[in-house]
Amino acid sequence: MTIHPTELKLTSPERLRIVWSDGQVREYTIRELREGCPCASCREKQSAEPPPATTLTVLSPAEIRPLRIASMEPAGRYAYGIDFSDGHDTGIYTLELLRELGTQVSG
């Protein structure tokens, strides 16, 4: 039997809690999920050399607002797609990745 989420709940605008079918409970910050995005463009950014300290990054209006989950939908029986308030929506978070991210908490 595959371990799967039985409950997904925003415990605050900045935190997601997932209860798993084996009883494990994990909490995630929305920032951690966004920074752990597994899509190709995010993986490329994560592995790129950091820009020089003198480089100024121009942020879009969506990037300035607090980061939130706009929606989260199952992708088959193996993953979830998460749409973030900064407009990013291409990451498919497998159940295995979600089990690796976050922090285990008591239920």
Protein backbone atom coordinates (compact mmCIF):
# COMPACT_ATOMS: atom_id res chain seq x y z
CA MET A 1 0.00 0.00 0.00
CA THR A 2 1.30 3.44 -0.95
CA ILE A 3 1.52 6.07 1.76
CA HIS A 4 -0.62 9.05 0.81
CA PRO A 5 -1.96 12.26 2.36
CA THR A 6 -5.24 11.90 4.26
CA GLU A 7 -5.52 15.58 5.22
CA LEU A 8 -4.04 18.82 3.91
CA LYS A 9 -4.65 21.95 5.94
CA LEU A 10 -3.29 25.48 6.05
CA THR A 11 -2.62 26.01 9.75
CA SER A 12 -1.79 29.66 9.00
CA PRO A 13 -1.27 31.64 5.78
CA GLU A 14 2.43 30.65 6.00
CA ARG A 15 2.17 26.96 7.00
CA LEU A 16 0.76 23.76 5.50
CA ARG A 17 0.13 20.59 7.49
CA ILE A 18 -0.15 17.18 5.85
CA VAL A 19 -1.38 14.11 7.72
CA TRP A 20 -0.19 10.92 6.03
CA SER A 21 -1.94 7.55 5.87
CA ASP A 22 0.71 5.97 8.14
CA GLY A 23 -0.05 8.55 10.86
CA GLN A 24 2.96 10.79 10.26
CA VAL A 25 2.21 14.51 10.41
CA ARG A 26 4.48 16.99 8.63
CA GLU A 27 4.41 20.78 8.54
CA TYR A 28 5.84 22.92 5.76
CA THR A 29 6.45 26.62 5.45
CA ILE A 30 5.13 27.99 2.19
CA ARG A 31 8.59 29.48 1.52
CA GLU A 32 10.21 26.04 1.97
CA LEU A 33 7.80 24.51 -0.54
CA ARG A 34 8.41 27.31 -3.03
CA GLU A 35 12.19 27.08 -2.66
CA GLY A 36 12.02 23.29 -3.00
CA CYS A 37 10.11 23.49 -6.28
CA PRO A 38 11.19 20.56 -8.46
CA CYS A 39 10.40 22.10 -11.87
CA ALA A 40 13.19 22.39 -14.44
CA SER A 41 13.51 26.19 -14.29
CA CYS A 42 13.71 26.21 -10.48
CA ARG A 43 16.27 23.36 -10.44
CA GLU A 44 18.34 25.36 -12.92
CA LYS A 45 18.17 28.45 -10.69
CA GLN A 46 19.03 26.38 -7.59
CA SER A 47 22.18 25.00 -9.25
CA ALA A 48 23.30 28.30 -10.83
CA GLU A 49 26.13 30.38 -9.45
CA PRO A 50 24.83 33.13 -7.17
CA PRO A 51 24.89 36.60 -8.72
CA PRO A 52 27.56 39.04 -7.55
CA ALA A 53 26.68 40.86 -4.33
CA THR A 54 26.51 44.11 -6.29
CA THR A 55 23.69 42.86 -8.54
CA LEU A 56 20.28 44.36 -7.88
CA THR A 57 17.33 42.04 -8.47
CA VAL A 58 14.14 43.61 -9.78
CA LEU A 59 11.12 42.01 -8.15
CA SER A 60 7.69 41.80 -9.71
CA PRO A 61 4.67 43.05 -7.74
CA ALA A 62 3.67 39.40 -7.10
CA GLU A 63 7.11 38.66 -5.62
CA ILE A 64 6.81 41.56 -3.18
CA ARG A 65 3.58 40.31 -1.60
CA PRO A 66 3.72 37.67 1.15
CA LEU A 67 4.08 34.20 -0.36
CA ARG A 68 0.95 32.06 -0.14
CA ILE A 69 -0.49 28.91 -1.69
CA ALA A 70 -3.15 30.02 -4.19
CA SER A 71 -4.25 26.43 -4.86
CA MET A 72 -3.06 22.86 -4.49
CA GLU A 73 -4.48 20.06 -6.63
CA PRO A 74 -3.67 16.34 -6.93
CA ALA A 75 -1.75 15.29 -10.04
CA GLY A 76 -2.90 11.72 -10.42
CA ARG A 77 -2.21 9.54 -7.38
CA TYR A 78 1.46 10.37 -7.10
CA ALA A 79 1.85 14.13 -6.70
CA TYR A 80 0.38 17.59 -6.12
CA GLY A 81 0.62 20.69 -8.24
CA ILE A 82 0.95 23.87 -6.20
CA ASP A 83 0.08 27.34 -7.48
CA PHE A 84 1.88 30.04 -5.48
CA SER A 85 0.81 33.65 -5.04
CA ASP A 86 3.96 34.80 -6.87
CA GLY A 87 2.52 33.30 -10.06
CA HIS A 88 4.68 30.17 -10.10
CA ASP A 89 2.67 27.04 -10.88
CA THR A 90 4.84 24.56 -12.80
CA GLY A 91 6.17 22.41 -9.95
CA ILE A 92 4.78 18.92 -9.49
CA TYR A 93 5.54 17.79 -5.93
CA THR A 94 5.67 13.98 -5.76
CA LEU A 95 4.50 12.31 -2.59
CA GLU A 96 8.10 11.19 -2.02
CA LEU A 97 9.35 14.78 -2.22
CA LEU A 98 6.64 15.99 0.16
CA ARG A 99 7.70 13.30 2.65
CA GLU A 100 11.31 14.60 2.46
CA LEU A 101 10.41 18.27 2.87
CA GLY A 102 8.93 19.82 5.98
CA THR A 103 9.30 18.87 9.60
CA GLN A 104 7.67 15.95 11.35
CA VAL A 105 5.41 17.11 14.16
CA SER A 106 3.18 15.36 16.67
CA GLY A 107 -0.41 15.00 15.50
